[in-house]
Amino acid sequence: MSAPESLKTVIMETLIEFIGDPSKTVTEDSLLEEDLEFDSTELISVIVDIEKSLGTSLQGIKYANMKTVADIVTGVGAFLNESAEVV
């Protein structure tokens, strides 16, 4: 499994676990507010859960414009790449 694919898998699994409702379908195109019924506080909680799953800090990630699951995957991937370049 490639790094981006494994990142996507970790994020998807974290979202599914956070939702805790097996009847909800989560795809990359799922809208956070409309489909998954997340508010901004829940999105922050999901980001914290993703941090725990990845074992890294996402402090400073820009999540305000994240509207879909794909946005989370892309945003986290870009944030991690930027963080790696700074080190």
PDB file of N, CA and C in Angstrom:
ATOM      1  N   MET A   1       0.859  -1.181   0.000  1.00  0.00           N
ATOM      2  CA  MET A   1       0.000   0.000   0.000  1.00  0.00           C
ATOM      3  C   MET A   1       0.899   1.237   0.000  1.00  0.00           C
ATOM      4  N   SER A   2       0.643   2.182  -0.884  1.00  0.00           N
ATOM      5  CA  SER A   2       1.452   3.393  -0.961  1.00  0.00           C
ATOM      6  C   SER A   2       1.144   4.319   0.208  1.00  0.00           C
ATOM      7  N   ALA A   3       2.040   5.264   0.438  1.00  0.00           N
ATOM      8  CA  ALA A   3       1.844   6.203   1.558  1.00  0.00           C
ATOM      9  C   ALA A   3       0.522   6.963   1.441  1.00  0.00           C
ATOM     10  N   PRO A   4       0.218   7.561   0.276  1.00  0.00           N
ATOM     11  CA  PRO A   4      -1.073   8.268   0.189  1.00  0.00           C
ATOM     12  C   PRO A   4      -2.269   7.337   0.396  1.00  0.00           C
ATOM     13  N   GLU A   5      -2.173   6.122  -0.110  1.00  0.00           N
ATOM     14  CA  GLU A   5      -3.269   5.167   0.043  1.00  0.00           C
ATOM     15  C   GLU A   5      -3.419   4.754   1.502  1.00  0.00           C
ATOM     16  N   SER A   6      -2.302   4.543   2.194  1.00  0.00           N
ATOM     17  CA  SER A   6      -2.392   4.164   3.603  1.00  0.00           C
ATOM     18  C   SER A   6      -2.906   5.337   4.437  1.00  0.00           C
ATOM     19  N   LEU A   7      -2.544   6.565   4.078  1.00  0.00           N
ATOM     20  CA  LEU A   7      -3.063   7.740   4.772  1.00  0.00           C
ATOM     21  C   LEU A   7      -4.584   7.803   4.602  1.00  0.00           C
ATOM     22  N   LYS A   8      -5.035   7.579   3.386  1.00  0.00           N
ATOM     23  CA  LYS A   8      -6.478   7.576   3.117  1.00  0.00           C
ATOM     24  C   LYS A   8      -7.170   6.505   3.943  1.00  0.00           C
ATOM     25  N   THR A   9      -6.581   5.326   4.019  1.00  0.00           N
ATOM     26  CA  THR A   9      -7.163   4.228   4.782  1.00  0.00           C
ATOM     27  C   THR A   9      -7.266   4.585   6.261  1.00  0.00           C
ATOM     28  N   VAL A  10      -6.199   5.146   6.827  1.00  0.00           N
ATOM     29  CA  VAL A  10      -6.210   5.532   8.241  1.00  0.00           C
ATOM     30  C   VAL A  10      -7.300   6.576   8.495  1.00  0.00           C
ATOM     31  N   ILE A  11      -7.397   7.557   7.616  1.00  0.00           N
ATOM     32  CA  ILE A  11      -8.400   8.616   7.799  1.00  0.00           C
ATOM     33  C   ILE A  11      -9.812   8.054   7.660  1.00  0.00           C
ATOM     34  N   MET A  12     -10.036   7.223   6.655  1.00  0.00           N
ATOM     35  CA  MET A  12     -11.373   6.644   6.463  1.00  0.00           C
ATOM     36  C   MET A  12     -11.753   5.783   7.672  1.00  0.00           C
ATOM     37  N   GLU A  13     -10.837   4.950   8.148  1.00  0.00           N
ATOM     38  CA  GLU A  13     -11.126   4.099   9.308  1.00  0.00           C
ATOM     39  C   GLU A  13     -11.402   4.938  10.553  1.00  0.00           C
ATOM     40  N   THR A  14     -10.658   6.022  10.715  1.00  0.00           N
ATOM     41  CA  THR A  14     -10.863   6.906  11.858  1.00  0.00           C
ATOM     42  C   THR A  14     -12.235   7.569  11.783  1.00  0.00           C
ATOM     43  N   LEU A  15     -12.622   8.005  10.601  1.00  0.00           N
ATOM     44  CA  LEU A  15     -13.942   8.627  10.426  1.00  0.00           C
ATOM     45  C   LEU A  15     -15.062   7.635  10.717  1.00  0.00           C
ATOM     46  N   ILE A  16     -14.939   6.435  10.198  1.00  0.00           N
ATOM     47  CA  ILE A  16     -15.970   5.405  10.411  1.00  0.00           C
ATOM     48  C   ILE A  16     -16.099   5.088  11.894  1.00  0.00           C
ATOM     49  N   GLU A  17     -14.956   4.961  12.567  1.00  0.00           N
ATOM     50  CA  GLU A  17     -14.985   4.695  14.003  1.00  0.00           C
ATOM     51  C   GLU A  17     -15.605   5.865  14.763  1.00  0.00           C
ATOM     52  N   PHE A  18     -15.273   7.091  14.369  1.00  0.00           N
ATOM     53  CA  PHE A  18     -15.807   8.282  15.038  1.00  0.00           C
ATOM     54  C   PHE A  18     -17.330   8.347  14.886  1.00  0.00           C
ATOM     55  N   ILE A  19     -17.811   8.060  13.687  1.00  0.00           N
ATOM     56  CA  ILE A  19     -19.255   8.120  13.427  1.00  0.00           C
ATOM     57  C   ILE A  19     -19.988   7.072  14.250  1.00  0.00           C
ATOM     58  N   GLY A  20     -19.437   5.869  14.296  1.00  0.00           N
ATOM     59  CA  GLY A  20     -20.011   4.815  15.115  1.00  0.00           C
ATOM     60  C   GLY A  20     -21.369   4.321  14.657  1.00  0.00           C
ATOM     61  N   ASP A  21     -21.714   4.590  13.406  1.00  0.00           N
ATOM     62  CA  ASP A  21     -23.006   4.154  12.868  1.00  0.00           C
ATOM     63  C   ASP A  21     -22.749   3.338  11.605  1.00  0.00           C
ATOM     64  N   PRO A  22     -22.814   2.017  11.709  1.00  0.00           N
ATOM     65  CA  PRO A  22     -22.499   1.173  10.555  1.00  0.00           C
ATOM     66  C   PRO A  22     -23.439   1.361   9.367  1.00  0.00           C
ATOM     67  N   SER A  23     -24.575   2.005   9.586  1.00  0.00           N
ATOM     68  CA  SER A  23     -25.503   2.215   8.473  1.00  0.00           C
ATOM     69  C   SER A  23     -25.084   3.399   7.597  1.00  0.00           C
ATOM     70  N   LYS A  24     -24.180   4.251   8.086  1.00  0.00           N
ATOM     71  CA  LYS A  24     -23.705   5.394   7.296  1.00  0.00           C
ATOM     72  C   LYS A  24     -22.582   4.958   6.374  1.00  0.00           C
ATOM     73  N   THR A  25     -22.694   5.338   5.128  1.00  0.00           N
ATOM     74  CA  THR A  25     -21.660   5.048   4.153  1.00  0.00           C
ATOM     75  C   THR A  25     -20.704   6.231   4.099  1.00  0.00           C
ATOM     76  N   VAL A  26     -19.413   5.937   4.199  1.00  0.00           N
ATOM     77  CA  VAL A  26     -18.400   6.985   4.130  1.00  0.00           C
ATOM     78  C   VAL A  26     -17.559   6.740   2.883  1.00  0.00           C
ATOM     79  N   THR A  27     -17.553   7.735   1.991  1.00  0.00           N
ATOM     80  CA  THR A  27     -16.719   7.697   0.789  1.00  0.00           C
ATOM     81  C   THR A  27     -15.900   8.979   0.737  1.00  0.00           C
ATOM     82  N   GLU A  28     -14.980   9.040  -0.199  1.00  0.00           N
ATOM     83  CA  GLU A  28     -14.192  10.263  -0.354  1.00  0.00           C
ATOM     84  C   GLU A  28     -15.074  11.458  -0.697  1.00  0.00           C
ATOM     85  N   ASP A  29     -16.193  11.201  -1.350  1.00  0.00           N
ATOM     86  CA  ASP A  29     -17.089  12.284  -1.762  1.00  0.00           C
ATOM     87  C   ASP A  29     -18.113  12.664  -0.695  1.00  0.00           C
ATOM     88  N   SER A  30     -18.119  11.958   0.433  1.00  0.00           N
ATOM     89  CA  SER A  30     -19.078  12.274   1.498  1.00  0.00           C
ATOM     90  C   SER A  30     -18.861  13.701   1.982  1.00  0.00           C
ATOM     91  N   LEU A  31     -19.960  14.445   2.045  1.00  0.00           N
ATOM     92  CA  LEU A  31     -19.911  15.809   2.566  1.00  0.00           C
ATOM     93  C   LEU A  31     -19.935  15.755   4.088  1.00  0.00           C
ATOM     94  N   LEU A  32     -19.026  16.479   4.714  1.00  0.00           N
ATOM     95  CA  LEU A  32     -18.886  16.399   6.166  1.00  0.00           C
ATOM     96  C   LEU A  32     -20.143  16.869   6.887  1.00  0.00           C
ATOM     97  N   GLU A  33     -20.683  18.007   6.490  1.00  0.00           N
ATOM     98  CA  GLU A  33     -21.873  18.533   7.170  1.00  0.00           C
ATOM     99  C   GLU A  33     -23.150  17.832   6.733  1.00  0.00           C
ATOM    100  N   GLU A  34     -23.363  17.733   5.432  1.00  0.00           N
ATOM    101  CA  GLU A  34     -24.631  17.215   4.921  1.00  0.00           C
ATOM    102  C   GLU A  34     -24.772  15.709   5.060  1.00  0.00           C
ATOM    103  N   ASP A  35     -23.740  14.966   4.670  1.00  0.00           N
ATOM    104  CA  ASP A  35     -23.836  13.502   4.678  1.00  0.00           C
ATOM    105  C   ASP A  35     -23.484  12.888   6.036  1.00  0.00           C
ATOM    106  N   LEU A  36     -22.432  13.416   6.651  1.00  0.00           N
ATOM    107  CA  LEU A  36     -21.947  12.821   7.902  1.00  0.00           C
ATOM    108  C   LEU A  36     -22.421  13.584   9.130  1.00  0.00           C
ATOM    109  N   GLU A  37     -23.077  14.714   8.895  1.00  0.00           N
ATOM    110  CA  GLU A  37     -23.683  15.530   9.958  1.00  0.00           C
ATOM    111  C   GLU A  37     -22.656  16.009  10.986  1.00  0.00           C
ATOM    112  N   PHE A  38     -21.461  16.400  10.509  1.00  0.00           N
ATOM    113  CA  PHE A  38     -20.425  16.947  11.379  1.00  0.00           C
ATOM    114  C   PHE A  38     -20.630  18.446  11.522  1.00  0.00           C
ATOM    115  N   ASP A  39     -20.436  18.943  12.738  1.00  0.00           N
ATOM    116  CA  ASP A  39     -20.339  20.384  12.915  1.00  0.00           C
ATOM    117  C   ASP A  39     -18.850  20.697  13.123  1.00  0.00           C
ATOM    118  N   SER A  40     -18.505  21.961  13.308  1.00  0.00           N
ATOM    119  CA  SER A  40     -17.094  22.334  13.403  1.00  0.00           C
ATOM    120  C   SER A  40     -16.402  21.696  14.612  1.00  0.00           C
ATOM    121  N   THR A  41     -17.119  21.551  15.709  1.00  0.00           N
ATOM    122  CA  THR A  41     -16.540  20.929  16.901  1.00  0.00           C
ATOM    123  C   THR A  41     -16.226  19.458  16.644  1.00  0.00           C
ATOM    124  N   GLU A  42     -17.120  18.772  15.957  1.00  0.00           N
ATOM    125  CA  GLU A  42     -16.879  17.363  15.644  1.00  0.00           C
ATOM    126  C   GLU A  42     -15.712  17.208  14.670  1.00  0.00           C
ATOM    127  N   LEU A  43     -15.572  18.156  13.750  1.00  0.00           N
ATOM    128  CA  LEU A  43     -14.446  18.092  12.823  1.00  0.00           C
ATOM    129  C   LEU A  43     -13.126  18.215  13.578  1.00  0.00           C
ATOM    130  N   ILE A  44     -13.081  19.089  14.562  1.00  0.00           N
ATOM    131  CA  ILE A  44     -11.874  19.216  15.384  1.00  0.00           C
ATOM    132  C   ILE A  44     -11.607  17.897  16.118  1.00  0.00           C
ATOM    133  N   SER A  45     -12.649  17.278  16.641  1.00  0.00           N
ATOM    134  CA  SER A  45     -12.492  15.988  17.332  1.00  0.00           C
ATOM    135  C   SER A  45     -11.966  14.921  16.387  1.00  0.00           C
ATOM    136  N   VAL A  46     -12.451  14.925  15.146  1.00  0.00           N
ATOM    137  CA  VAL A  46     -11.977  13.963  14.153  1.00  0.00           C
ATOM    138  C   VAL A  46     -10.499  14.205  13.854  1.00  0.00           C
ATOM    139  N   ILE A  47     -10.111  15.467  13.721  1.00  0.00           N
ATOM    140  CA  ILE A  47      -8.703  15.795  13.471  1.00  0.00           C
ATOM    141  C   ILE A  47      -7.836  15.271  14.620  1.00  0.00           C
ATOM    142  N   VAL A  48      -8.294  15.437  15.856  1.00  0.00           N
ATOM    143  CA  VAL A  48      -7.555  14.924  17.016  1.00  0.00           C
ATOM    144  C   VAL A  48      -7.455  13.400  16.946  1.00  0.00           C
ATOM    145  N   ASP A  49      -8.550  12.737  16.583  1.00  0.00           N
ATOM    146  CA  ASP A  49      -8.519  11.275  16.449  1.00  0.00           C
ATOM    147  C   ASP A  49      -7.556  10.845  15.338  1.00  0.00           C
ATOM    148  N   ILE A  50      -7.522  11.611  14.235  1.00  0.00           N
ATOM    149  CA  ILE A  50      -6.591  11.303  13.143  1.00  0.00           C
ATOM    150  C   ILE A  50      -5.151  11.478  13.629  1.00  0.00           C
ATOM    151  N   GLU A  51      -4.900  12.525  14.407  1.00  0.00           N
ATOM    152  CA  GLU A  51      -3.569  12.717  14.995  1.00  0.00           C
ATOM    153  C   GLU A  51      -3.152  11.481  15.786  1.00  0.00           C
ATOM    154  N   LYS A  52      -4.057  11.004  16.623  1.00  0.00           N
ATOM    155  CA  LYS A  52      -3.761   9.820  17.444  1.00  0.00           C
ATOM    156  C   LYS A  52      -3.492   8.599  16.568  1.00  0.00           C
ATOM    157  N   SER A  53      -4.313   8.423  15.531  1.00  0.00           N
ATOM    158  CA  SER A  53      -4.143   7.274  14.638  1.00  0.00           C
ATOM    159  C   SER A  53      -2.808   7.329  13.894  1.00  0.00           C
ATOM    160  N   LEU A  54      -2.395   8.539  13.511  1.00  0.00           N
ATOM    161  CA  LEU A  54      -1.145   8.703  12.767  1.00  0.00           C
ATOM    162  C   LEU A  54       0.068   8.825  13.680  1.00  0.00           C
ATOM    163  N   GLY A  55      -0.179   9.124  14.952  1.00  0.00           N
ATOM    164  CA  GLY A  55       0.920   9.308  15.890  1.00  0.00           C
ATOM    165  C   GLY A  55       1.719  10.565  15.615  1.00  0.00           C
ATOM    166  N   THR A  56       1.053  11.603  15.147  1.00  0.00           N
ATOM    167  CA  THR A  56       1.735  12.858  14.831  1.00  0.00           C
ATOM    168  C   THR A  56       0.811  14.038  15.113  1.00  0.00           C
ATOM    169  N   SER A  57       1.389  15.200  15.258  1.00  0.00           N
ATOM    170  CA  SER A  57       0.601  16.407  15.514  1.00  0.00           C
ATOM    171  C   SER A  57       0.140  17.040  14.205  1.00  0.00           C
ATOM    172  N   LEU A  58      -1.100  17.467  14.188  1.00  0.00           N
ATOM    173  CA  LEU A  58      -1.633  18.214  13.052  1.00  0.00           C
ATOM    174  C   LEU A  58      -1.941  19.649  13.477  1.00  0.00           C
ATOM    175  N   GLN A  59      -1.277  20.090  14.542  1.00  0.00           N
ATOM    176  CA  GLN A  59      -1.505  21.443  15.044  1.00  0.00           C
ATOM    177  C   GLN A  59      -1.155  22.447  13.954  1.00  0.00           C
ATOM    178  N   GLY A  60      -2.091  23.328  13.675  1.00  0.00           N
ATOM    179  CA  GLY A  60      -1.907  24.340  12.647  1.00  0.00           C
ATOM    180  C   GLY A  60      -2.544  23.984  11.320  1.00  0.00           C
ATOM    181  N   ILE A  61      -3.111  22.762  11.218  1.00  0.00           N
ATOM    182  CA  ILE A  61      -3.769  22.384   9.965  1.00  0.00           C
ATOM    183  C   ILE A  61      -4.972  23.288   9.730  1.00  0.00           C
ATOM    184  N   LYS A  62      -5.166  23.658   8.502  1.00  0.00           N
ATOM    185  CA  LYS A  62      -6.289  24.527   8.144  1.00  0.00           C
ATOM    186  C   LYS A  62      -7.475  23.640   7.761  1.00  0.00           C
ATOM    187  N   TYR A  63      -8.429  23.528   8.657  1.00  0.00           N
ATOM    188  CA  TYR A  63      -9.562  22.623   8.442  1.00  0.00           C
ATOM    189  C   TYR A  63     -10.850  23.358   8.089  1.00  0.00           C
ATOM    190  N   ALA A  64     -10.860  24.672   8.173  1.00  0.00           N
ATOM    191  CA  ALA A  64     -12.091  25.436   7.982  1.00  0.00           C
ATOM    192  C   ALA A  64     -12.720  25.233   6.604  1.00  0.00           C
ATOM    193  N   ASN A  65     -11.911  25.003   5.588  1.00  0.00           N
ATOM    194  CA  ASN A  65     -12.443  24.840   4.234  1.00  0.00           C
ATOM    195  C   ASN A  65     -12.643  23.383   3.832  1.00  0.00           C
ATOM    196  N   MET A  66     -12.476  22.476   4.770  1.00  0.00           N
ATOM    197  CA  MET A  66     -12.679  21.059   4.465  1.00  0.00           C
ATOM    198  C   MET A  66     -14.173  20.766   4.411  1.00  0.00           C
ATOM    199  N   LYS A  67     -14.621  20.341   3.250  1.00  0.00           N
ATOM    200  CA  LYS A  67     -16.052  20.074   3.044  1.00  0.00           C
ATOM    201  C   LYS A  67     -16.357  18.602   2.814  1.00  0.00           C
ATOM    202  N   THR A  68     -15.352  17.846   2.351  1.00  0.00           N
ATOM    203  CA  THR A  68     -15.553  16.430   2.040  1.00  0.00           C
ATOM    204  C   THR A  68     -14.463  15.595   2.719  1.00  0.00           C
ATOM    205  N   VAL A  69     -14.666  14.286   2.714  1.00  0.00           N
ATOM    206  CA  VAL A  69     -13.651  13.365   3.230  1.00  0.00           C
ATOM    207  C   VAL A  69     -12.367  13.517   2.403  1.00  0.00           C
ATOM    208  N   ALA A  70     -12.502  13.665   1.094  1.00  0.00           N
ATOM    209  CA  ALA A  70     -11.329  13.852   0.237  1.00  0.00           C
ATOM    210  C   ALA A  70     -10.555  15.100   0.634  1.00  0.00           C
ATOM    211  N   ASP A  71     -11.259  16.156   1.054  1.00  0.00           N
ATOM    212  CA  ASP A  71     -10.588  17.374   1.518  1.00  0.00           C
ATOM    213  C   ASP A  71      -9.733  17.086   2.747  1.00  0.00           C
ATOM    214  N   ILE A  72     -10.229  16.239   3.646  1.00  0.00           N
ATOM    215  CA  ILE A  72      -9.451  15.870   4.833  1.00  0.00           C
ATOM    216  C   ILE A  72      -8.194  15.110   4.411  1.00  0.00           C
ATOM    217  N   VAL A  73      -8.351  14.128   3.529  1.00  0.00           N
ATOM    218  CA  VAL A  73      -7.217  13.325   3.069  1.00  0.00           C
ATOM    219  C   VAL A  73      -6.184  14.224   2.399  1.00  0.00           C
ATOM    220  N   THR A  74      -6.640  15.092   1.506  1.00  0.00           N
ATOM    221  CA  THR A  74      -5.732  15.998   0.799  1.00  0.00           C
ATOM    222  C   THR A  74      -5.075  16.975   1.766  1.00  0.00           C
ATOM    223  N   GLY A  75      -5.869  17.544   2.663  1.00  0.00           N
ATOM    224  CA  GLY A  75      -5.350  18.525   3.612  1.00  0.00           C
ATOM    225  C   GLY A  75      -4.337  17.940   4.565  1.00  0.00           C
ATOM    226  N   VAL A  76      -4.621  16.758   5.095  1.00  0.00           N
ATOM    227  CA  VAL A  76      -3.689  16.103   6.018  1.00  0.00           C
ATOM    228  C   VAL A  76      -2.412  15.727   5.268  1.00  0.00           C
ATOM    229  N   GLY A  77      -2.563  15.182   4.065  1.00  0.00           N
ATOM    230  CA  GLY A  77      -1.382  14.817   3.266  1.00  0.00           C
ATOM    231  C   GLY A  77      -0.497  16.015   2.976  1.00  0.00           C
ATOM    232  N   ALA A  78      -1.111  17.114   2.565  1.00  0.00           N
ATOM    233  CA  ALA A  78      -0.346  18.335   2.271  1.00  0.00           C
ATOM    234  C   ALA A  78       0.313  18.878   3.535  1.00  0.00           C
ATOM    235  N   PHE A  79      -0.404  18.859   4.638  1.00  0.00           N
ATOM    236  CA  PHE A  79       0.141  19.350   5.909  1.00  0.00           C
ATOM    237  C   PHE A  79       1.359  18.515   6.321  1.00  0.00           C
ATOM    238  N   LEU A  80       1.226  17.198   6.219  1.00  0.00           N
ATOM    239  CA  LEU A  80       2.345  16.319   6.586  1.00  0.00           C
ATOM    240  C   LEU A  80       3.542  16.530   5.676  1.00  0.00           C
ATOM    241  N   ASN A  81       3.296  16.725   4.365  1.00  0.00           N
ATOM    242  CA  ASN A  81       4.389  16.982   3.422  1.00  0.00           C
ATOM    243  C   ASN A  81       5.081  18.295   3.745  1.00  0.00           C
ATOM    244  N   GLU A  82       4.297  19.336   4.040  1.00  0.00           N
ATOM    245  CA  GLU A  82       4.878  20.634   4.397  1.00  0.00           C
ATOM    246  C   GLU A  82       5.692  20.519   5.680  1.00  0.00           C
ATOM    247  N   SER A  83       5.163  19.788   6.647  1.00  0.00           N
ATOM    248  CA  SER A  83       5.857  19.619   7.924  1.00  0.00           C
ATOM    249  C   SER A  83       7.174  18.881   7.728  1.00  0.00           C
ATOM    250  N   ALA A  84       7.187  17.893   6.848  1.00  0.00           N
ATOM    251  CA  ALA A  84       8.392  17.119   6.593  1.00  0.00           C
ATOM    252  C   ALA A  84       9.453  17.979   5.912  1.00  0.00           C
ATOM    253  N   GLU A  85       9.028  18.907   5.072  1.00  0.00           N
ATOM    254  CA  GLU A  85       9.977  19.779   4.376  1.00  0.00           C
ATOM    255  C   GLU A  85      10.621  20.767   5.324  1.00  0.00           C
ATOM    256  N   VAL A  86       9.906  21.168   6.393  1.00  0.00           N
ATOM    257  CA  VAL A  86      10.420  22.134   7.347  1.00  0.00           C
ATOM    258  C   VAL A  86      11.521  21.527   8.211  1.00  0.00           C
ATOM    259  N   VAL A  87      11.395  20.241   8.493  1.00  0.00           N
ATOM    260  CA  VAL A  87      12.340  19.552   9.405  1.00  0.00           C
ATOM    261  C   VAL A  87      13.697  19.448   8.810  1.00  0.00           C
TER     262      VAL A  87
END
